[in-house]
Amino acid sequence: MGHVNLTKKSKHLALVLRHDPKSIGISMDSNGWVSVLDLCKKMPIELADLEEIVRTDSKGRYSFSDDKSKIRANQGHSIEVDVQLKEAVPPEFLYHGTGKKSVDSIYKDGLKKMSRLHVHLSDNPETAVSVGSRHGVPVVFKVHALEMYEQGHVFYRSENGVWLTDHVPPKFLRHHSNGS
């Protein structure tokens, strides 16, 4: 299958599994799982293509159930699902990439989850730069995560290594530049 076609199917898969399973007439359980059989039929997508998308996704966005009968997005949902995240103690610093246009509101209000269920953070500035680049000129914030945790904020780590929390107040944010 052509790479372009697989990329298109991958984007459609993200839309369906993170935001709108009803758009193709399938249902999702409370933990974010959908039937692989239903998904393949309604999307439509070949099982081999679905397996290839899951296997090659550089960010590990998707997981199959143990018996491969179900699939779900690991995080990034805008619909209420419980992907059974486990609370975790974060490292001292985490990072968040965004576009330059969002900086003023972030300094004022902190990092908010917006349309998602959580604020997404990475454990390295390189990933944050990559994420920020999607929003124009990238700006990376260093989050004093361990200090937040010690003051009662809850953190989760998704299956694909993304750190999640509900909100990062401005007092825990610093502008990150190389070497700081």
N, C-alpha and C. Protein backbone atom coordinates (compact mmCIF):
# COMPACT_ATOMS: atom_id res chain seq x y z
N MET A 1 0.85 -1.19 0.00
CA MET A 1 0.00 0.00 0.00
C MET A 1 0.88 1.23 0.00
N GLY A 2 0.44 2.27 -0.68
CA GLY A 2 1.23 3.50 -0.77
C GLY A 2 1.31 4.21 0.57
N HIS A 3 2.47 4.85 0.81
CA HIS A 3 2.70 5.56 2.07
C HIS A 3 1.69 6.69 2.26
N VAL A 4 1.38 7.41 1.18
CA VAL A 4 0.44 8.53 1.27
C VAL A 4 -0.94 8.04 1.71
N ASN A 5 -1.38 6.94 1.12
CA ASN A 5 -2.67 6.38 1.47
C ASN A 5 -2.69 5.91 2.93
N LEU A 6 -1.59 5.31 3.39
CA LEU A 6 -1.50 4.84 4.78
C LEU A 6 -1.52 6.04 5.74
N THR A 7 -0.86 7.13 5.37
CA THR A 7 -0.87 8.35 6.19
C THR A 7 -2.29 8.89 6.31
N LYS A 8 -3.01 8.89 5.19
CA LYS A 8 -4.39 9.37 5.19
C LYS A 8 -5.25 8.50 6.10
N LYS A 9 -5.07 7.19 6.02
CA LYS A 9 -5.83 6.27 6.87
C LYS A 9 -5.46 6.46 8.34
N SER A 10 -4.19 6.73 8.62
CA SER A 10 -3.73 6.94 9.98
C SER A 10 -4.38 8.19 10.58
N LYS A 11 -4.49 9.25 9.80
CA LYS A 11 -5.15 10.48 10.28
C LYS A 11 -6.63 10.24 10.53
N HIS A 12 -7.26 9.46 9.65
CA HIS A 12 -8.67 9.13 9.84
C HIS A 12 -8.84 8.28 11.09
N LEU A 13 -7.92 7.35 11.32
CA LEU A 13 -7.95 6.50 12.51
C LEU A 13 -7.87 7.36 13.77
N ALA A 14 -6.99 8.36 13.78
CA ALA A 14 -6.85 9.25 14.93
C ALA A 14 -8.16 9.98 15.20
N LEU A 15 -8.79 10.48 14.15
CA LEU A 15 -10.07 11.18 14.29
C LEU A 15 -11.11 10.25 14.93
N VAL A 16 -11.22 9.04 14.39
CA VAL A 16 -12.22 8.08 14.87
C VAL A 16 -11.95 7.66 16.32
N LEU A 17 -10.70 7.29 16.65
CA LEU A 17 -10.40 6.73 17.97
C LEU A 17 -10.21 7.77 19.07
N ARG A 18 -9.89 9.01 18.69
CA ARG A 18 -9.70 10.04 19.71
C ARG A 18 -10.91 10.94 19.88
N HIS A 19 -11.67 11.12 18.81
CA HIS A 19 -12.68 12.18 18.85
C HIS A 19 -14.10 11.77 18.45
N ASP A 20 -14.25 10.90 17.45
CA ASP A 20 -15.59 10.73 16.89
C ASP A 20 -15.84 9.35 16.28
N PRO A 21 -15.95 8.31 17.11
CA PRO A 21 -16.24 6.98 16.56
C PRO A 21 -17.59 6.92 15.86
N LYS A 22 -18.52 7.78 16.30
CA LYS A 22 -19.86 7.79 15.68
C LYS A 22 -19.81 8.25 14.23
N SER A 23 -18.73 8.96 13.84
CA SER A 23 -18.62 9.47 12.46
C SER A 23 -18.64 8.33 11.44
N ILE A 24 -18.22 7.13 11.88
CA ILE A 24 -18.28 5.97 10.98
C ILE A 24 -19.27 4.93 11.49
N GLY A 25 -20.05 5.30 12.51
CA GLY A 25 -21.11 4.42 12.99
C GLY A 25 -20.65 3.26 13.85
N ILE A 26 -19.57 3.48 14.63
CA ILE A 26 -19.15 2.42 15.57
C ILE A 26 -19.23 2.97 16.99
N SER A 27 -19.28 2.06 17.95
CA SER A 27 -19.35 2.49 19.34
C SER A 27 -18.04 2.17 20.05
N MET A 28 -17.79 2.95 21.10
CA MET A 28 -16.57 2.84 21.89
C MET A 28 -16.99 2.54 23.32
N ASP A 29 -16.27 1.64 23.99
CA ASP A 29 -16.63 1.39 25.39
C ASP A 29 -16.03 2.47 26.29
N SER A 30 -16.31 2.40 27.58
CA SER A 30 -15.90 3.46 28.50
C SER A 30 -14.39 3.57 28.64
N ASN A 31 -13.65 2.54 28.22
CA ASN A 31 -12.19 2.58 28.29
C ASN A 31 -11.54 2.92 26.94
N GLY A 32 -12.37 3.34 25.98
CA GLY A 32 -11.83 3.78 24.70
C GLY A 32 -11.63 2.70 23.66
N TRP A 33 -12.02 1.47 23.94
CA TRP A 33 -11.83 0.36 23.01
C TRP A 33 -12.95 0.31 21.97
N VAL A 34 -12.59 -0.01 20.73
CA VAL A 34 -13.57 -0.29 19.69
C VAL A 34 -13.24 -1.65 19.09
N SER A 35 -14.23 -2.28 18.51
CA SER A 35 -14.05 -3.57 17.87
C SER A 35 -13.22 -3.41 16.60
N VAL A 36 -12.17 -4.20 16.48
CA VAL A 36 -11.33 -4.17 15.28
C VAL A 36 -12.16 -4.57 14.06
N LEU A 37 -13.01 -5.57 14.23
CA LEU A 37 -13.86 -6.03 13.14
C LEU A 37 -14.78 -4.91 12.63
N ASP A 38 -15.45 -4.22 13.58
CA ASP A 38 -16.33 -3.11 13.20
C ASP A 38 -15.55 -1.99 12.53
N LEU A 39 -14.39 -1.66 13.10
CA LEU A 39 -13.56 -0.58 12.56
C LEU A 39 -13.13 -0.89 11.13
N CYS A 40 -12.65 -2.10 10.91
CA CYS A 40 -12.20 -2.50 9.56
C CYS A 40 -13.34 -2.44 8.55
N LYS A 41 -14.53 -2.84 9.00
CA LYS A 41 -15.69 -2.86 8.12
C LYS A 41 -16.17 -1.45 7.79
N LYS A 42 -16.26 -0.59 8.82
CA LYS A 42 -16.89 0.71 8.65
C LYS A 42 -15.95 1.81 8.17
N MET A 43 -14.64 1.67 8.40
CA MET A 43 -13.74 2.78 8.06
C MET A 43 -13.62 3.00 6.55
N PRO A 44 -13.54 2.13 5.65
CA PRO A 44 -13.07 0.75 5.77
C PRO A 44 -11.54 0.73 5.70
N ILE A 45 -10.96 -0.30 6.34
CA ILE A 45 -9.51 -0.48 6.32
C ILE A 45 -9.22 -1.96 6.43
N GLU A 46 -8.20 -2.40 5.72
CA GLU A 46 -7.76 -3.80 5.81
C GLU A 46 -7.07 -4.00 7.15
N LEU A 47 -7.23 -5.17 7.74
CA LEU A 47 -6.57 -5.48 9.01
C LEU A 47 -5.06 -5.32 8.89
N ALA A 48 -4.48 -5.73 7.78
CA ALA A 48 -3.02 -5.62 7.58
C ALA A 48 -2.58 -4.16 7.63
N ASP A 49 -3.39 -3.26 7.04
CA ASP A 49 -3.06 -1.83 7.07
C ASP A 49 -3.17 -1.28 8.50
N LEU A 50 -4.20 -1.71 9.21
CA LEU A 50 -4.39 -1.28 10.59
C LEU A 50 -3.19 -1.73 11.44
N GLU A 51 -2.79 -2.97 11.29
CA GLU A 51 -1.64 -3.49 12.03
C GLU A 51 -0.37 -2.72 11.69
N GLU A 52 -0.21 -2.36 10.42
CA GLU A 52 0.96 -1.60 9.97
C GLU A 52 0.97 -0.20 10.60
N ILE A 53 -0.17 0.45 10.65
CA ILE A 53 -0.27 1.78 11.27
C ILE A 53 0.13 1.70 12.74
N VAL A 54 -0.42 0.73 13.47
CA VAL A 54 -0.12 0.58 14.89
C VAL A 54 1.36 0.26 15.09
N ARG A 55 1.90 -0.62 14.26
CA ARG A 55 3.30 -1.06 14.40
C ARG A 55 4.29 0.06 14.08
N THR A 56 3.97 0.88 13.08
CA THR A 56 4.94 1.87 12.61
C THR A 56 4.71 3.28 13.16
N ASP A 57 3.65 3.49 13.93
CA ASP A 57 3.39 4.83 14.45
C ASP A 57 4.51 5.24 15.41
N SER A 58 5.26 6.27 15.03
CA SER A 58 6.45 6.66 15.79
C SER A 58 6.11 7.14 17.21
N LYS A 59 4.88 7.54 17.44
CA LYS A 59 4.50 8.04 18.76
C LYS A 59 3.73 7.00 19.57
N GLY A 60 3.53 5.82 19.03
CA GLY A 60 2.83 4.77 19.78
C GLY A 60 1.44 5.19 20.19
N ARG A 61 0.70 5.80 19.27
CA ARG A 61 -0.62 6.36 19.61
C ARG A 61 -1.68 5.31 19.91
N TYR A 62 -1.51 4.08 19.40
CA TYR A 62 -2.59 3.09 19.47
C TYR A 62 -2.13 1.81 20.14
N SER A 63 -3.11 1.10 20.71
CA SER A 63 -2.85 -0.21 21.31
C SER A 63 -3.94 -1.18 20.90
N PHE A 64 -3.54 -2.42 20.67
CA PHE A 64 -4.49 -3.52 20.48
C PHE A 64 -4.69 -4.18 21.83
N SER A 65 -5.87 -4.77 22.03
CA SER A 65 -6.09 -5.61 23.21
C SER A 65 -5.22 -6.86 23.03
N ASP A 66 -5.05 -7.63 24.10
CA ASP A 66 -4.17 -8.80 24.05
C ASP A 66 -4.53 -9.76 22.92
N ASP A 67 -5.83 -9.94 22.68
CA ASP A 67 -6.25 -10.88 21.62
C ASP A 67 -6.46 -10.19 20.27
N LYS A 68 -6.11 -8.90 20.20
CA LYS A 68 -6.22 -8.10 18.96
C LYS A 68 -7.66 -7.96 18.44
N SER A 69 -8.64 -8.17 19.32
CA SER A 69 -10.03 -8.01 18.88
C SER A 69 -10.48 -6.55 19.03
N LYS A 70 -9.73 -5.77 19.83
CA LYS A 70 -10.09 -4.38 20.07
C LYS A 70 -8.87 -3.48 19.89
N ILE A 71 -9.13 -2.21 19.62
CA ILE A 71 -8.07 -1.22 19.45
C ILE A 71 -8.52 0.08 20.11
N ARG A 72 -7.55 0.88 20.59
CA ARG A 72 -7.87 2.20 21.14
C ARG A 72 -6.67 3.14 20.97
N ALA A 73 -6.97 4.42 21.08
CA ALA A 73 -5.92 5.43 21.15
C ALA A 73 -5.43 5.45 22.60
N ASN A 74 -4.13 5.64 22.79
CA ASN A 74 -3.58 5.63 24.14
C ASN A 74 -3.85 6.92 24.92
N GLN A 75 -3.97 8.05 24.22
CA GLN A 75 -4.31 9.32 24.85
C GLN A 75 -4.64 10.30 23.74
N GLY A 76 -5.02 11.53 24.12
CA GLY A 76 -5.33 12.56 23.13
C GLY A 76 -6.81 12.68 22.82
N HIS A 77 -7.63 12.04 23.64
CA HIS A 77 -9.07 12.06 23.40
C HIS A 77 -9.70 13.42 23.70
N SER A 78 -10.72 13.74 22.95
CA SER A 78 -11.55 14.91 23.29
C SER A 78 -12.91 14.42 23.80
N ILE A 79 -13.14 13.12 23.75
CA ILE A 79 -14.36 12.53 24.29
C ILE A 79 -14.01 11.82 25.59
N GLU A 80 -14.97 11.73 26.49
CA GLU A 80 -14.72 11.20 27.82
C GLU A 80 -14.49 9.68 27.76
N VAL A 81 -13.26 9.27 27.98
CA VAL A 81 -12.94 7.85 28.08
C VAL A 81 -11.98 7.65 29.25
N ASP A 82 -11.97 6.46 29.78
CA ASP A 82 -11.04 6.13 30.85
C ASP A 82 -10.08 5.08 30.30
N VAL A 83 -8.90 5.53 29.88
CA VAL A 83 -7.93 4.58 29.33
C VAL A 83 -7.10 3.94 30.45
N GLN A 84 -7.64 4.00 31.65
CA GLN A 84 -7.05 3.34 32.81
C GLN A 84 -5.60 3.75 33.03
N LEU A 85 -5.40 5.06 33.04
CA LEU A 85 -4.06 5.60 33.27
C LEU A 85 -3.65 5.33 34.71
N LYS A 86 -2.37 5.08 34.89
CA LYS A 86 -1.86 4.86 36.24
C LYS A 86 -1.13 6.12 36.70
N GLU A 87 -1.41 6.52 37.94
CA GLU A 87 -0.70 7.68 38.49
C GLU A 87 0.78 7.35 38.56
N ALA A 88 1.62 8.37 38.34
CA ALA A 88 3.06 8.15 38.37
C ALA A 88 3.75 9.39 38.93
N VAL A 89 4.91 9.18 39.54
CA VAL A 89 5.72 10.28 40.04
C VAL A 89 6.54 10.79 38.85
N PRO A 90 6.39 12.07 38.51
CA PRO A 90 7.10 12.58 37.35
C PRO A 90 8.57 12.87 37.66
N PRO A 91 9.38 13.02 36.61
CA PRO A 91 10.75 13.47 36.82
C PRO A 91 10.74 14.94 37.26
N GLU A 92 11.90 15.47 37.61
CA GLU A 92 11.96 16.85 38.09
C GLU A 92 11.38 17.83 37.07
N PHE A 93 11.71 17.62 35.78
CA PHE A 93 11.22 18.52 34.74
C PHE A 93 10.54 17.75 33.62
N LEU A 94 9.47 18.33 33.11
CA LEU A 94 8.83 17.85 31.89
C LEU A 94 8.74 19.05 30.96
N TYR A 95 8.36 18.81 29.71
CA TYR A 95 8.39 19.88 28.71
C TYR A 95 7.09 19.91 27.91
N HIS A 96 6.74 21.12 27.47
CA HIS A 96 5.54 21.29 26.66
C HIS A 96 5.86 22.23 25.51
N GLY A 97 5.60 21.76 24.30
CA GLY A 97 5.83 22.58 23.12
C GLY A 97 4.53 23.17 22.63
N THR A 98 4.61 24.43 22.19
CA THR A 98 3.44 25.11 21.66
C THR A 98 3.90 26.11 20.61
N GLY A 99 2.96 26.82 20.04
CA GLY A 99 3.30 27.86 19.08
C GLY A 99 3.46 29.20 19.78
N LYS A 100 4.24 30.07 19.16
CA LYS A 100 4.55 31.38 19.73
C LYS A 100 3.28 32.17 20.08
N LYS A 101 2.21 31.99 19.29
CA LYS A 101 0.98 32.76 19.50
C LYS A 101 0.30 32.45 20.83
N SER A 102 0.62 31.30 21.44
CA SER A 102 -0.04 30.89 22.69
C SER A 102 0.70 31.33 23.94
N VAL A 103 1.91 31.87 23.80
CA VAL A 103 2.78 32.15 24.94
C VAL A 103 2.13 33.08 25.97
N ASP A 104 1.56 34.20 25.53
CA ASP A 104 1.00 35.16 26.48
C ASP A 104 -0.11 34.56 27.33
N SER A 105 -1.02 33.80 26.69
CA SER A 105 -2.11 33.21 27.47
C SER A 105 -1.59 32.11 28.41
N ILE A 106 -0.53 31.43 28.01
CA ILE A 106 0.05 30.39 28.88
C ILE A 106 0.69 31.02 30.11
N TYR A 107 1.41 32.12 29.92
CA TYR A 107 2.00 32.80 31.08
C TYR A 107 0.91 33.32 32.02
N LYS A 108 -0.24 33.68 31.46
CA LYS A 108 -1.35 34.22 32.26
C LYS A 108 -2.14 33.10 32.96
N ASP A 109 -2.52 32.06 32.19
CA ASP A 109 -3.44 31.02 32.70
C ASP A 109 -2.78 29.66 32.95
N GLY A 110 -1.52 29.50 32.56
CA GLY A 110 -0.88 28.20 32.66
C GLY A 110 -1.25 27.34 31.47
N LEU A 111 -0.88 26.08 31.54
CA LEU A 111 -1.22 25.13 30.48
C LEU A 111 -2.56 24.50 30.80
N LYS A 112 -3.50 24.65 29.89
CA LYS A 112 -4.84 24.09 30.08
C LYS A 112 -5.07 22.98 29.06
N LYS A 113 -5.96 22.06 29.41
CA LYS A 113 -6.19 20.90 28.54
C LYS A 113 -6.96 21.23 27.27
N MET A 114 -7.57 22.39 27.23
CA MET A 114 -8.33 22.83 26.06
C MET A 114 -9.38 21.77 25.70
N SER A 115 -9.36 21.26 24.45
CA SER A 115 -10.40 20.31 24.05
C SER A 115 -10.06 18.86 24.43
N ARG A 116 -8.88 18.64 24.98
CA ARG A 116 -8.47 17.29 25.36
C ARG A 116 -8.79 17.01 26.82
N LEU A 117 -8.58 15.76 27.22
CA LEU A 117 -8.86 15.38 28.59
C LEU A 117 -7.72 15.73 29.54
N HIS A 118 -6.52 15.96 28.99
CA HIS A 118 -5.34 16.27 29.79
C HIS A 118 -4.40 17.21 29.05
N VAL A 119 -3.51 17.84 29.81
CA VAL A 119 -2.37 18.56 29.24
C VAL A 119 -1.33 17.49 28.93
N HIS A 120 -0.72 17.57 27.73
CA HIS A 120 0.29 16.59 27.32
C HIS A 120 1.69 17.16 27.52
N LEU A 121 2.56 16.39 28.16
CA LEU A 121 3.92 16.80 28.44
C LEU A 121 4.89 15.71 28.00
N SER A 122 6.10 16.10 27.64
CA SER A 122 7.10 15.10 27.25
C SER A 122 8.26 15.14 28.24
N ASP A 123 9.04 14.07 28.27
CA ASP A 123 10.16 14.02 29.19
C ASP A 123 11.45 14.57 28.57
N ASN A 124 11.34 15.14 27.35
CA ASN A 124 12.53 15.71 26.73
C ASN A 124 12.15 16.92 25.88
N PRO A 125 13.05 17.91 25.80
CA PRO A 125 12.74 19.12 25.05
C PRO A 125 12.64 18.90 23.54
N GLU A 126 13.32 17.89 23.01
CA GLU A 126 13.28 17.65 21.56
C GLU A 126 11.87 17.29 21.09
N THR A 127 11.19 16.44 21.83
CA THR A 127 9.82 16.09 21.48
C THR A 127 8.93 17.32 21.58
N ALA A 128 9.15 18.14 22.60
CA ALA A 128 8.34 19.35 22.77
C ALA A 128 8.54 20.32 21.60
N VAL A 129 9.77 20.42 21.09
CA VAL A 129 10.03 21.27 19.93
C VAL A 129 9.25 20.75 18.73
N SER A 130 9.27 19.43 18.55
CA SER A 130 8.55 18.80 17.44
C SER A 130 7.05 19.09 17.53
N VAL A 131 6.49 18.96 18.72
CA VAL A 131 5.06 19.24 18.92
C VAL A 131 4.78 20.73 18.68
N GLY A 132 5.62 21.60 19.22
CA GLY A 132 5.43 23.04 19.06
C GLY A 132 5.50 23.47 17.60
N SER A 133 6.29 22.78 16.82
CA SER A 133 6.45 23.12 15.40
C SER A 133 5.16 22.96 14.62
N ARG A 134 4.25 22.13 15.12
CA ARG A 134 2.96 21.96 14.46
C ARG A 134 2.09 23.20 14.58
N HIS A 135 2.48 24.08 15.49
CA HIS A 135 1.69 25.28 15.77
C HIS A 135 2.41 26.55 15.34
N GLY A 136 3.31 26.43 14.38
CA GLY A 136 4.07 27.60 13.92
C GLY A 136 5.46 27.60 14.52
N VAL A 137 5.94 28.80 14.89
CA VAL A 137 7.26 28.91 15.50
C VAL A 137 7.19 28.26 16.88
N PRO A 138 8.02 27.22 17.13
CA PRO A 138 7.89 26.49 18.40
C PRO A 138 8.46 27.24 19.59
N VAL A 139 7.76 27.13 20.71
CA VAL A 139 8.21 27.64 21.99
C VAL A 139 8.08 26.48 22.96
N VAL A 140 9.11 26.26 23.76
CA VAL A 140 9.08 25.14 24.71
C VAL A 140 9.09 25.68 26.13
N PHE A 141 8.18 25.15 26.93
CA PHE A 141 8.12 25.47 28.35
C PHE A 141 8.70 24.31 29.15
N LYS A 142 9.49 24.65 30.15
CA LYS A 142 9.97 23.66 31.11
C LYS A 142 8.99 23.67 32.27
N VAL A 143 8.47 22.51 32.61
CA VAL A 143 7.49 22.37 33.68
C VAL A 143 8.20 21.78 34.91
N HIS A 144 8.08 22.46 36.03
CA HIS A 144 8.65 21.96 37.28
C HIS A 144 7.70 20.91 37.86
N ALA A 145 7.76 19.73 37.22
CA ALA A 145 6.77 18.68 37.47
C ALA A 145 6.87 18.06 38.86
N LEU A 146 8.07 17.78 39.31
CA LEU A 146 8.22 17.14 40.62
C LEU A 146 7.72 18.08 41.73
N GLU A 147 8.03 19.35 41.60
CA GLU A 147 7.54 20.35 42.55
C GLU A 147 6.01 20.40 42.53
N MET A 148 5.41 20.35 41.35
CA MET A 148 3.95 20.30 41.23
C MET A 148 3.40 19.08 41.96
N TYR A 149 4.02 17.93 41.68
CA TYR A 149 3.59 16.67 42.28
C TYR A 149 3.66 16.76 43.81
N GLU A 150 4.75 17.31 44.30
CA GLU A 150 4.93 17.42 45.75
C GLU A 150 3.90 18.36 46.38
N GLN A 151 3.32 19.23 45.55
CA GLN A 151 2.28 20.14 46.05
C GLN A 151 0.87 19.61 45.75
N GLY A 152 0.77 18.33 45.40
CA GLY A 152 -0.54 17.68 45.29
C GLY A 152 -1.11 17.51 43.89
N HIS A 153 -0.41 17.93 42.86
CA HIS A 153 -0.91 17.73 41.50
C HIS A 153 -0.67 16.28 41.07
N VAL A 154 -1.63 15.73 40.35
CA VAL A 154 -1.56 14.32 39.93
C VAL A 154 -1.02 14.24 38.51
N PHE A 155 -0.12 13.29 38.28
CA PHE A 155 0.43 13.02 36.96
C PHE A 155 0.16 11.58 36.57
N TYR A 156 0.00 11.37 35.27
CA TYR A 156 -0.17 10.03 34.72
C TYR A 156 0.86 9.87 33.60
N ARG A 157 1.20 8.63 33.31
CA ARG A 157 2.07 8.35 32.18
C ARG A 157 1.33 7.36 31.29
N SER A 158 1.07 7.76 30.03
CA SER A 158 0.33 6.88 29.12
C SER A 158 1.23 5.74 28.65
N GLU A 159 0.61 4.76 28.01
CA GLU A 159 1.37 3.59 27.55
C GLU A 159 2.50 3.95 26.61
N ASN A 160 2.35 5.05 25.87
CA ASN A 160 3.39 5.43 24.92
C ASN A 160 4.33 6.50 25.47
N GLY A 161 4.32 6.69 26.81
CA GLY A 161 5.32 7.54 27.44
C GLY A 161 5.00 9.02 27.53
N VAL A 162 3.79 9.41 27.12
CA VAL A 162 3.40 10.82 27.24
C VAL A 162 2.95 11.06 28.69
N TRP A 163 3.41 12.16 29.27
CA TRP A 163 3.00 12.53 30.62
C TRP A 163 1.75 13.39 30.53
N LEU A 164 0.81 13.16 31.43
CA LEU A 164 -0.49 13.85 31.39
C LEU A 164 -0.81 14.41 32.77
N THR A 165 -1.43 15.58 32.77
CA THR A 165 -1.93 16.18 34.01
C THR A 165 -3.11 17.07 33.63
N ASP A 166 -3.87 17.51 34.64
CA ASP A 166 -5.07 18.29 34.35
C ASP A 166 -4.78 19.75 33.99
N HIS A 167 -3.78 20.36 34.64
CA HIS A 167 -3.51 21.78 34.44
C HIS A 167 -2.12 22.07 35.00
N VAL A 168 -1.40 22.95 34.35
CA VAL A 168 -0.11 23.38 34.88
C VAL A 168 -0.21 24.88 35.18
N PRO A 169 -0.31 25.24 36.47
CA PRO A 169 -0.38 26.66 36.82
C PRO A 169 0.88 27.41 36.37
N PRO A 170 0.75 28.71 36.07
CA PRO A 170 1.89 29.48 35.56
C PRO A 170 3.13 29.45 36.45
N LYS A 171 2.93 29.35 37.78
CA LYS A 171 4.09 29.41 38.68
C LYS A 171 5.05 28.22 38.50
N PHE A 172 4.60 27.15 37.82
CA PHE A 172 5.46 25.99 37.61
C PHE A 172 6.10 25.98 36.22
N LEU A 173 5.93 27.07 35.47
CA LEU A 173 6.42 27.13 34.09
C LEU A 173 7.60 28.08 33.95
N ARG A 174 8.57 27.68 33.15
CA ARG A 174 9.68 28.54 32.75
C ARG A 174 9.86 28.37 31.26
N HIS A 175 10.27 29.43 30.61
CA HIS A 175 10.60 29.33 29.18
C HIS A 175 11.86 28.49 29.07
N HIS A 176 11.85 27.51 28.19
CA HIS A 176 13.01 26.64 28.02
C HIS A 176 13.79 27.09 26.79
N SER A 177 15.06 27.31 26.99
CA SER A 177 15.93 27.54 25.84
C SER A 177 17.08 26.55 25.98
N ASN A 178 17.73 26.23 24.90
CA ASN A 178 18.81 25.22 24.95
C ASN A 178 19.79 25.56 26.07
N GLY A 179 20.03 24.57 26.88
CA GLY A 179 20.98 24.75 27.97
C GLY A 179 20.37 25.25 29.26
N SER A 180 19.03 25.44 29.30
CA SER A 180 18.43 25.88 30.57
C SER A 180 17.39 24.90 31.07
